[in-house]
N, C-alpha and C. Protein backbone atom coordinates (compact mmCIF):
# COMPACT_ATOMS: atom_id res chain seq x y z
N UNK A 1 -5.26 -32.68 4.48
CA UNK A 1 -4.60 -31.54 5.07
C UNK A 1 -4.70 -30.34 4.13
N UNK A 2 -5.23 -29.26 4.61
CA UNK A 2 -5.34 -28.05 3.80
C UNK A 2 -4.33 -27.01 4.27
N UNK A 3 -3.77 -26.33 3.32
CA UNK A 3 -2.84 -25.25 3.65
C UNK A 3 -3.42 -23.94 3.18
N UNK A 4 -3.10 -22.89 3.91
CA UNK A 4 -3.58 -21.56 3.52
C UNK A 4 -2.77 -21.05 2.36
N UNK A 5 -3.44 -20.56 1.36
CA UNK A 5 -2.78 -19.98 0.21
C UNK A 5 -2.60 -18.49 0.44
N UNK A 6 -1.42 -18.00 0.24
CA UNK A 6 -1.15 -16.58 0.43
C UNK A 6 -1.79 -15.80 -0.72
N UNK A 7 -2.49 -14.74 -0.39
CA UNK A 7 -3.17 -13.94 -1.40
C UNK A 7 -2.20 -12.94 -2.00
N UNK A 8 -1.71 -13.22 -3.18
CA UNK A 8 -0.75 -12.33 -3.84
C UNK A 8 -1.44 -11.18 -4.56
N UNK A 9 -2.74 -11.25 -4.72
CA UNK A 9 -3.45 -10.24 -5.50
C UNK A 9 -4.33 -9.34 -4.63
N UNK A 10 -4.12 -9.34 -3.34
CA UNK A 10 -4.89 -8.49 -2.45
C UNK A 10 -4.45 -7.03 -2.56
N UNK A 11 -5.28 -6.13 -2.12
CA UNK A 11 -4.94 -4.71 -2.25
C UNK A 11 -3.81 -4.29 -1.32
N UNK A 12 -3.45 -5.12 -0.36
CA UNK A 12 -2.34 -4.76 0.53
C UNK A 12 -0.99 -5.25 0.03
N UNK A 13 -0.95 -5.92 -1.10
CA UNK A 13 0.31 -6.34 -1.72
C UNK A 13 0.63 -5.35 -2.82
N UNK A 14 1.73 -4.66 -2.71
CA UNK A 14 2.07 -3.60 -3.65
C UNK A 14 3.55 -3.68 -3.99
N UNK A 15 3.85 -4.50 -4.99
CA UNK A 15 5.24 -4.74 -5.38
C UNK A 15 5.90 -3.48 -5.94
N UNK A 16 5.16 -2.67 -6.67
CA UNK A 16 5.73 -1.45 -7.24
C UNK A 16 6.16 -0.48 -6.15
N UNK A 17 5.37 -0.34 -5.12
CA UNK A 17 5.73 0.55 -4.01
C UNK A 17 6.94 0.00 -3.26
N UNK A 18 6.98 -1.30 -3.06
CA UNK A 18 8.13 -1.91 -2.38
C UNK A 18 9.41 -1.68 -3.18
N UNK A 19 9.33 -1.78 -4.51
CA UNK A 19 10.50 -1.57 -5.34
C UNK A 19 10.95 -0.11 -5.30
N UNK A 20 10.00 0.82 -5.34
CA UNK A 20 10.34 2.24 -5.27
C UNK A 20 11.00 2.59 -3.94
N UNK A 21 10.51 2.03 -2.86
CA UNK A 21 11.09 2.28 -1.54
C UNK A 21 12.50 1.72 -1.47
N UNK A 22 12.71 0.56 -2.08
CA UNK A 22 14.04 -0.05 -2.07
C UNK A 22 15.05 0.80 -2.86
N UNK A 23 14.59 1.42 -3.95
CA UNK A 23 15.51 2.19 -4.79
C UNK A 23 15.68 3.63 -4.33
N UNK A 24 14.58 4.30 -4.02
CA UNK A 24 14.67 5.73 -3.67
C UNK A 24 13.97 6.02 -2.34
N UNK A 25 14.03 5.09 -1.41
CA UNK A 25 13.32 5.21 -0.14
C UNK A 25 13.72 6.42 0.68
N UNK A 26 14.96 6.87 0.55
CA UNK A 26 15.40 8.02 1.33
C UNK A 26 14.78 9.33 0.85
N UNK A 27 14.24 9.36 -0.37
CA UNK A 27 13.62 10.57 -0.91
C UNK A 27 12.10 10.59 -0.72
N UNK A 28 11.52 9.48 -0.28
CA UNK A 28 10.07 9.40 -0.10
C UNK A 28 9.70 9.79 1.32
N UNK A 29 8.77 10.72 1.46
CA UNK A 29 8.30 11.13 2.78
C UNK A 29 7.20 10.21 3.29
N UNK A 30 6.25 9.88 2.41
CA UNK A 30 5.11 9.06 2.79
C UNK A 30 4.86 7.99 1.74
N UNK A 31 4.29 6.90 2.18
CA UNK A 31 3.90 5.82 1.27
C UNK A 31 2.38 5.78 1.25
N UNK A 32 1.79 6.13 0.11
CA UNK A 32 0.34 6.21 -0.01
C UNK A 32 -0.12 5.27 -1.11
N UNK A 33 -1.16 4.49 -0.79
CA UNK A 33 -1.78 3.59 -1.76
C UNK A 33 -3.25 3.99 -1.85
N UNK A 34 -3.72 4.21 -3.07
CA UNK A 34 -5.14 4.53 -3.28
C UNK A 34 -5.91 3.24 -3.44
N UNK A 35 -7.03 3.13 -2.74
CA UNK A 35 -7.83 1.91 -2.78
C UNK A 35 -9.31 2.25 -2.74
N UNK A 36 -10.12 1.23 -2.79
CA UNK A 36 -11.58 1.42 -2.70
C UNK A 36 -12.07 1.37 -1.26
N UNK A 37 -11.18 1.10 -0.33
CA UNK A 37 -11.56 0.94 1.07
C UNK A 37 -11.42 2.23 1.86
N UNK A 38 -11.69 2.16 3.14
CA UNK A 38 -11.59 3.32 4.02
C UNK A 38 -10.15 3.67 4.33
N UNK A 39 -9.95 4.79 5.01
CA UNK A 39 -8.62 5.22 5.42
C UNK A 39 -8.07 4.21 6.42
N UNK A 40 -6.82 3.84 6.23
CA UNK A 40 -6.19 2.84 7.08
C UNK A 40 -4.68 3.03 7.04
N UNK A 41 -4.02 2.82 8.17
CA UNK A 41 -2.56 2.82 8.20
C UNK A 41 -2.13 1.37 8.39
N UNK A 42 -1.41 0.86 7.39
CA UNK A 42 -1.00 -0.53 7.42
C UNK A 42 0.41 -0.70 7.94
N UNK A 43 0.97 -1.85 7.64
CA UNK A 43 2.33 -2.14 8.08
C UNK A 43 3.32 -1.27 7.33
N UNK A 44 4.46 -1.03 7.92
CA UNK A 44 5.52 -0.19 7.35
C UNK A 44 5.05 1.23 7.06
N UNK A 45 4.10 1.71 7.83
CA UNK A 45 3.56 3.08 7.71
C UNK A 45 2.99 3.39 6.34
N UNK A 46 2.41 2.41 5.68
CA UNK A 46 1.73 2.62 4.40
C UNK A 46 0.34 3.16 4.72
N UNK A 47 -0.03 4.26 4.07
CA UNK A 47 -1.33 4.88 4.28
C UNK A 47 -2.23 4.48 3.11
N UNK A 48 -3.38 3.89 3.41
CA UNK A 48 -4.36 3.51 2.39
C UNK A 48 -5.45 4.56 2.40
N UNK A 49 -5.65 5.21 1.26
CA UNK A 49 -6.66 6.25 1.13
C UNK A 49 -7.70 5.84 0.08
N UNK A 50 -8.97 6.17 0.31
CA UNK A 50 -9.97 5.92 -0.72
C UNK A 50 -9.76 6.88 -1.90
N UNK A 51 -10.20 6.47 -3.06
CA UNK A 51 -9.98 7.24 -4.27
C UNK A 51 -10.51 8.68 -4.18
N UNK A 52 -11.63 8.87 -3.49
CA UNK A 52 -12.22 10.20 -3.44
C UNK A 52 -11.36 11.19 -2.65
N UNK A 53 -10.38 10.73 -1.93
CA UNK A 53 -9.53 11.64 -1.14
C UNK A 53 -8.31 12.13 -1.91
N UNK A 54 -8.21 11.82 -3.20
CA UNK A 54 -7.06 12.28 -3.98
C UNK A 54 -7.02 13.80 -4.07
N UNK A 55 -8.15 14.45 -3.93
CA UNK A 55 -8.16 15.91 -4.02
C UNK A 55 -7.45 16.56 -2.83
N UNK A 56 -7.20 15.79 -1.77
CA UNK A 56 -6.53 16.33 -0.58
C UNK A 56 -5.05 16.04 -0.55
N UNK A 57 -4.52 15.37 -1.56
CA UNK A 57 -3.07 15.08 -1.59
C UNK A 57 -2.28 16.27 -2.02
């Protein structure tokens, strides 16, 4: 019997962002994560932006 192992090191797991939202979530307008992938809107309205788009923030 094989079980699926949860990927704790994937780019969609962001403990620091979760902690910041828990502490000062009322002051944050947007949740943005910079990654190597394309633009994507994930769960909890997290926006994933590629690194080259930092000039537009």
